[in-house]
Amino acid sequence: MEKNTLIEIDERYYYKETDNWKCELEGQEVKLGLVIEVLDLRDIDSDVKDSDPYPYTIQAGIIPQNPSESYWEGDEDYNENLRLSLIRDFISYCGSVAYISEPEDLKDRFTLKEATLASYEDRFTGSTKQYLRFSEDGLEKALELYTEAVEVNFSTIGFVLDRAVNLVGDTGWSELEKSLNK
């Protein structure tokens, strides 16, 4: 698999890895990859109409470059795309540790034609959460900018992994540990 290139796994998932994205878990180096999930809101939200100018949103997260093969659902075509199949299966089963959670940092890099800032109320915390929604024109730019943002901010990966990822209190560290089947 080519490093330093955003690879389209399928119409929903994109993936990128470099040798520089890594952390240490229990004394062992773990190389990380970026997964970007493109969500077409028209498919999942009945309030979003086909004519909506901003039908897409993006979720970006990190996963281990080599998750446990126990997550592979066993496609019969065992070939050079095996790792991408494993990564796709892993993402659909486990998700990823959210990496970019502050859309305000990126919103000024888009024109009004490309993106808009939207919000929703988090039903668990009652707080208002913001996210970016993209037009067809803004989607490609969004993929580039989200990838760039991860590259620029990767030195803070420890802080990202320290955050709670669910209401139970799991952190990014514990999620990585589970994904490696430790």
C-alpha atoms as a PDB file:
ATOM      1  CA  MET A   1       0.000   0.000   0.000  1.00  0.00           C
ATOM      2  CA  GLU A   2       1.305   3.432  -0.903  1.00  0.00           C
ATOM      3  CA  LYS A   3       2.193   5.619   2.067  1.00  0.00           C
ATOM      4  CA  ASN A   4       1.534   9.358   2.311  1.00  0.00           C
ATOM      5  CA  THR A   5      -1.403   9.123  -0.126  1.00  0.00           C
ATOM      6  CA  LEU A   6      -5.081   9.295   0.702  1.00  0.00           C
ATOM      7  CA  ILE A   7      -6.517   6.035  -0.608  1.00  0.00           C
ATOM      8  CA  GLU A   8     -10.196   5.545  -1.366  1.00  0.00           C
ATOM      9  CA  ILE A   9     -11.192   2.231   0.193  1.00  0.00           C
ATOM     10  CA  ASP A  10     -14.754   2.535  -1.074  1.00  0.00           C
ATOM     11  CA  GLU A  11     -17.281   5.332  -1.651  1.00  0.00           C
ATOM     12  CA  ARG A  12     -17.540   5.928   2.091  1.00  0.00           C
ATOM     13  CA  TYR A  13     -14.049   5.373   3.548  1.00  0.00           C
ATOM     14  CA  TYR A  14     -10.637   6.923   2.840  1.00  0.00           C
ATOM     15  CA  TYR A  15      -7.379   5.935   4.488  1.00  0.00           C
ATOM     16  CA  LYS A  16      -3.856   7.340   4.822  1.00  0.00           C
ATOM     17  CA  GLU A  17      -0.772   6.260   6.732  1.00  0.00           C
ATOM     18  CA  THR A  18       2.798   7.424   7.092  1.00  0.00           C
ATOM     19  CA  ASP A  19       5.750   6.055   9.015  1.00  0.00           C
ATOM     20  CA  ASN A  20       5.742   9.200  11.193  1.00  0.00           C
ATOM     21  CA  TRP A  21       2.298   8.655  12.718  1.00  0.00           C
ATOM     22  CA  LYS A  22       2.916   6.518  15.772  1.00  0.00           C
ATOM     23  CA  CYS A  23       2.598   6.327  19.508  1.00  0.00           C
ATOM     24  CA  GLU A  24       3.880   4.073  22.249  1.00  0.00           C
ATOM     25  CA  LEU A  25       1.508   1.663  23.977  1.00  0.00           C
ATOM     26  CA  GLU A  26       2.793  -0.411  26.881  1.00  0.00           C
ATOM     27  CA  GLY A  27       6.373   0.099  25.724  1.00  0.00           C
ATOM     28  CA  GLN A  28       5.647  -0.966  22.157  1.00  0.00           C
ATOM     29  CA  GLU A  29       5.554   1.300  19.099  1.00  0.00           C
ATOM     30  CA  VAL A  30       2.162   1.371  17.372  1.00  0.00           C
ATOM     31  CA  LYS A  31       1.961   2.892  13.899  1.00  0.00           C
ATOM     32  CA  LEU A  32      -1.260   4.761  13.244  1.00  0.00           C
ATOM     33  CA  GLY A  33      -3.367   5.552  10.208  1.00  0.00           C
ATOM     34  CA  LEU A  34      -6.005   8.162   9.447  1.00  0.00           C
ATOM     35  CA  VAL A  35      -9.451   7.076   8.382  1.00  0.00           C
ATOM     36  CA  ILE A  36     -11.934   9.561   6.970  1.00  0.00           C
ATOM     37  CA  GLU A  37     -15.565   8.549   6.708  1.00  0.00           C
ATOM     38  CA  VAL A  38     -17.752  10.522   4.321  1.00  0.00           C
ATOM     39  CA  LEU A  39     -21.389  10.493   5.370  1.00  0.00           C
ATOM     40  CA  ASP A  40     -24.113  11.400   2.879  1.00  0.00           C
ATOM     41  CA  LEU A  41     -26.711  12.850   5.224  1.00  0.00           C
ATOM     42  CA  ARG A  42     -29.464  12.278   2.648  1.00  0.00           C
ATOM     43  CA  ASP A  43     -29.070   8.550   3.316  1.00  0.00           C
ATOM     44  CA  ILE A  44     -29.279   8.763   7.116  1.00  0.00           C
ATOM     45  CA  ASP A  45     -31.371  11.811   8.016  1.00  0.00           C
ATOM     46  CA  SER A  46     -34.909  12.194   6.694  1.00  0.00           C
ATOM     47  CA  ASP A  47     -34.730  15.962   7.326  1.00  0.00           C
ATOM     48  CA  VAL A  48     -31.960  16.326   4.722  1.00  0.00           C
ATOM     49  CA  LYS A  49     -33.567  16.620   1.283  1.00  0.00           C
ATOM     50  CA  ASP A  50     -32.039  15.611  -2.054  1.00  0.00           C
ATOM     51  CA  SER A  51     -31.818  19.297  -2.970  1.00  0.00           C
ATOM     52  CA  ASP A  52     -29.821  20.199   0.174  1.00  0.00           C
ATOM     53  CA  PRO A  53     -26.732  22.170  -0.907  1.00  0.00           C
ATOM     54  CA  TYR A  54     -24.580  20.634   1.880  1.00  0.00           C
ATOM     55  CA  PRO A  55     -25.403  16.916   1.984  1.00  0.00           C
ATOM     56  CA  TYR A  56     -22.045  15.599   3.269  1.00  0.00           C
ATOM     57  CA  THR A  57     -20.211  15.541   6.558  1.00  0.00           C
ATOM     58  CA  ILE A  58     -16.902  13.953   7.488  1.00  0.00           C
ATOM     59  CA  GLN A  59     -15.669  12.054  10.507  1.00  0.00           C
ATOM     60  CA  ALA A  60     -11.914  11.707  10.868  1.00  0.00           C
ATOM     61  CA  GLY A  61     -10.223   9.325  13.243  1.00  0.00           C
ATOM     62  CA  ILE A  62      -7.146   7.254  13.869  1.00  0.00           C
ATOM     63  CA  ILE A  63      -6.704   3.510  13.923  1.00  0.00           C
ATOM     64  CA  PRO A  64      -3.670   1.231  14.183  1.00  0.00           C
ATOM     65  CA  GLN A  65      -2.044   0.592  10.799  1.00  0.00           C
ATOM     66  CA  ASN A  66      -2.153  -3.112  11.584  1.00  0.00           C
ATOM     67  CA  PRO A  67      -5.307  -3.966  13.547  1.00  0.00           C
ATOM     68  CA  SER A  68      -5.787  -7.524  14.724  1.00  0.00           C
ATOM     69  CA  GLU A  69      -6.721  -9.861  11.884  1.00  0.00           C
ATOM     70  CA  SER A  70      -9.569 -11.129  14.065  1.00  0.00           C
ATOM     71  CA  TYR A  71     -11.596  -8.182  12.721  1.00  0.00           C
ATOM     72  CA  TRP A  72     -11.286  -9.362   9.127  1.00  0.00           C
ATOM     73  CA  GLU A  73     -14.617 -10.666   7.884  1.00  0.00           C
ATOM     74  CA  GLY A  74     -12.914 -13.009   5.439  1.00  0.00           C
ATOM     75  CA  ASP A  75     -13.471 -11.799   1.897  1.00  0.00           C
ATOM     76  CA  GLU A  76     -12.558 -14.666  -0.392  1.00  0.00           C
ATOM     77  CA  ASP A  77     -10.372 -12.476  -2.630  1.00  0.00           C
ATOM     78  CA  TYR A  78      -7.156 -12.821  -0.646  1.00  0.00           C
ATOM     79  CA  ASN A  79      -4.829 -10.507  -2.575  1.00  0.00           C
ATOM     80  CA  GLU A  80      -2.852  -7.281  -2.251  1.00  0.00           C
ATOM     81  CA  ASN A  81      -6.014  -5.518  -1.095  1.00  0.00           C
ATOM     82  CA  LEU A  82      -6.219  -7.695   2.014  1.00  0.00           C
ATOM     83  CA  ARG A  83      -4.973  -4.907   4.302  1.00  0.00           C
ATOM     84  CA  LEU A  84      -7.540  -2.481   2.893  1.00  0.00           C
ATOM     85  CA  SER A  85     -10.251  -5.099   3.402  1.00  0.00           C
ATOM     86  CA  LEU A  86      -9.078  -5.626   6.972  1.00  0.00           C
ATOM     87  CA  ILE A  87      -9.016  -1.862   7.580  1.00  0.00           C
ATOM     88  CA  ARG A  88     -12.540  -1.467   6.105  1.00  0.00           C
ATOM     89  CA  ASP A  89     -13.858  -4.350   8.225  1.00  0.00           C
ATOM     90  CA  PHE A  90     -12.109  -2.998  11.319  1.00  0.00           C
ATOM     91  CA  ILE A  91     -13.578   0.486  10.823  1.00  0.00           C
ATOM     92  CA  SER A  92     -17.101  -0.844  10.294  1.00  0.00           C
ATOM     93  CA  TYR A  93     -16.787  -3.019  13.409  1.00  0.00           C
ATOM     94  CA  CYS A  94     -14.851  -0.753  15.785  1.00  0.00           C
ATOM     95  CA  GLY A  95     -14.890   2.754  14.356  1.00  0.00           C
ATOM     96  CA  SER A  96     -11.927   4.972  15.077  1.00  0.00           C
ATOM     97  CA  VAL A  97     -10.652   7.313  17.773  1.00  0.00           C
ATOM     98  CA  ALA A  98     -12.041  10.723  16.788  1.00  0.00           C
ATOM     99  CA  TYR A  99      -9.240  13.059  15.869  1.00  0.00           C
ATOM    100  CA  ILE A 100     -10.667  16.302  14.535  1.00  0.00           C
ATOM    101  CA  SER A 101     -13.413  17.513  16.811  1.00  0.00           C
ATOM    102  CA  GLU A 102     -13.154  21.286  16.432  1.00  0.00           C
ATOM    103  CA  PRO A 103     -14.708  22.275  13.088  1.00  0.00           C
ATOM    104  CA  GLU A 104     -14.202  25.936  13.960  1.00  0.00           C
ATOM    105  CA  ASP A 105     -10.495  25.401  13.245  1.00  0.00           C
ATOM    106  CA  LEU A 106     -11.254  24.543   9.615  1.00  0.00           C
ATOM    107  CA  LYS A 107     -14.441  26.467   8.778  1.00  0.00           C
ATOM    108  CA  ASP A 108     -12.646  29.623   7.635  1.00  0.00           C
ATOM    109  CA  ARG A 109     -10.759  27.650   4.987  1.00  0.00           C
ATOM    110  CA  PHE A 110     -13.962  27.021   3.016  1.00  0.00           C
ATOM    111  CA  THR A 111     -16.109  29.338   0.949  1.00  0.00           C
ATOM    112  CA  LEU A 112     -19.844  29.528   1.573  1.00  0.00           C
ATOM    113  CA  LYS A 113     -20.335  27.539  -1.634  1.00  0.00           C
ATOM    114  CA  GLU A 114     -18.185  24.707  -0.224  1.00  0.00           C
ATOM    115  CA  ALA A 115     -19.277  24.316   3.405  1.00  0.00           C
ATOM    116  CA  THR A 116     -21.446  25.531   6.242  1.00  0.00           C
ATOM    117  CA  LEU A 117     -21.276  25.147  10.008  1.00  0.00           C
ATOM    118  CA  ALA A 118     -24.215  23.168  11.421  1.00  0.00           C
ATOM    119  CA  SER A 119     -25.112  22.114  14.950  1.00  0.00           C
ATOM    120  CA  TYR A 120     -27.128  19.591  16.935  1.00  0.00           C
ATOM    121  CA  GLU A 121     -27.932  19.005  20.562  1.00  0.00           C
ATOM    122  CA  ASP A 122     -26.069  16.096  22.135  1.00  0.00           C
ATOM    123  CA  ARG A 123     -28.832  14.066  23.773  1.00  0.00           C
ATOM    124  CA  PHE A 124     -26.490  12.649  26.423  1.00  0.00           C
ATOM    125  CA  THR A 125     -24.851  15.848  27.624  1.00  0.00           C
ATOM    126  CA  GLY A 126     -27.423  18.420  26.506  1.00  0.00           C
ATOM    127  CA  SER A 127     -24.648  20.521  24.979  1.00  0.00           C
ATOM    128  CA  THR A 128     -24.687  21.904  21.462  1.00  0.00           C
ATOM    129  CA  LYS A 129     -22.159  20.316  19.119  1.00  0.00           C
ATOM    130  CA  GLN A 130     -21.016  21.866  15.861  1.00  0.00           C
ATOM    131  CA  TYR A 131     -19.899  20.133  12.694  1.00  0.00           C
ATOM    132  CA  LEU A 132     -19.153  21.072   9.100  1.00  0.00           C
ATOM    133  CA  ARG A 133     -21.424  20.108   6.219  1.00  0.00           C
ATOM    134  CA  PHE A 134     -20.039  20.083   2.696  1.00  0.00           C
ATOM    135  CA  SER A 135     -21.311  20.569  -0.827  1.00  0.00           C
ATOM    136  CA  GLU A 136     -20.123  18.430  -3.730  1.00  0.00           C
ATOM    137  CA  ASP A 137     -17.627  21.217  -4.486  1.00  0.00           C
ATOM    138  CA  GLY A 138     -16.310  21.289  -0.936  1.00  0.00           C
ATOM    139  CA  LEU A 139     -15.975  17.553  -0.352  1.00  0.00           C
ATOM    140  CA  GLU A 140     -12.644  17.044  -2.142  1.00  0.00           C
ATOM    141  CA  LYS A 141     -11.171  20.110  -0.463  1.00  0.00           C
ATOM    142  CA  ALA A 142     -12.425  18.820   2.892  1.00  0.00           C
ATOM    143  CA  LEU A 143     -10.609  15.511   2.414  1.00  0.00           C
ATOM    144  CA  GLU A 144      -7.370  17.389   1.711  1.00  0.00           C
ATOM    145  CA  LEU A 145      -7.766  19.826   4.617  1.00  0.00           C
ATOM    146  CA  TYR A 146      -8.685  17.159   7.171  1.00  0.00           C
ATOM    147  CA  THR A 147      -5.632  15.136   6.135  1.00  0.00           C
ATOM    148  CA  GLU A 148      -3.457  18.245   6.364  1.00  0.00           C
ATOM    149  CA  ALA A 149      -4.856  19.105   9.805  1.00  0.00           C
ATOM    150  CA  VAL A 150      -3.906  15.670  11.128  1.00  0.00           C
ATOM    151  CA  GLU A 151      -0.385  15.962   9.728  1.00  0.00           C
ATOM    152  CA  VAL A 152       0.116  19.384  11.295  1.00  0.00           C
ATOM    153  CA  ASN A 153      -1.288  18.393  14.685  1.00  0.00           C
ATOM    154  CA  PHE A 154       0.026  14.844  15.046  1.00  0.00           C
ATOM    155  CA  SER A 155       2.547  15.887  17.679  1.00  0.00           C
ATOM    156  CA  THR A 156      -0.423  16.238  20.074  1.00  0.00           C
ATOM    157  CA  ILE A 157      -1.593  12.635  19.580  1.00  0.00           C
ATOM    158  CA  GLY A 158      -1.070  11.802  23.255  1.00  0.00           C
ATOM    159  CA  PHE A 159      -3.606  14.453  24.272  1.00  0.00           C
ATOM    160  CA  VAL A 160      -6.079  13.123  21.715  1.00  0.00           C
ATOM    161  CA  LEU A 161      -5.694   9.577  23.032  1.00  0.00           C
ATOM    162  CA  ASP A 162      -6.079  10.775  26.645  1.00  0.00           C
ATOM    163  CA  ARG A 163      -9.652  11.966  25.981  1.00  0.00           C
ATOM    164  CA  ALA A 164     -12.664   9.853  26.923  1.00  0.00           C
ATOM    165  CA  VAL A 165     -14.274   8.330  23.823  1.00  0.00           C
ATOM    166  CA  ASN A 166     -17.525   7.193  25.408  1.00  0.00           C
ATOM    167  CA  LEU A 167     -19.653   7.628  28.516  1.00  0.00           C
ATOM    168  CA  VAL A 168     -18.105   4.553  30.150  1.00  0.00           C
ATOM    169  CA  GLY A 169     -14.786   6.392  30.336  1.00  0.00           C
ATOM    170  CA  ASP A 170     -12.737   4.453  27.787  1.00  0.00           C
ATOM    171  CA  THR A 171      -9.917   6.522  26.324  1.00  0.00           C
ATOM    172  CA  GLY A 172      -8.245   6.443  22.946  1.00  0.00           C
ATOM    173  CA  TRP A 173      -5.459   4.424  24.569  1.00  0.00           C
ATOM    174  CA  SER A 174      -7.832   1.669  25.701  1.00  0.00           C
ATOM    175  CA  GLU A 175      -9.511   1.650  22.282  1.00  0.00           C
ATOM    176  CA  LEU A 176      -6.133   1.199  20.579  1.00  0.00           C
ATOM    177  CA  GLU A 177      -5.256  -1.584  22.984  1.00  0.00           C
ATOM    178  CA  LYS A 178      -8.520  -3.405  22.188  1.00  0.00           C
ATOM    179  CA  SER A 179      -7.974  -2.999  18.450  1.00  0.00           C
ATOM    180  CA  LEU A 180      -4.615  -4.723  18.715  1.00  0.00           C
ATOM    181  CA  ASN A 181      -6.201  -7.573  20.733  1.00  0.00           C
ATOM    182  CA  LYS A 182      -3.821  -7.127  23.643  1.00  0.00           C
END
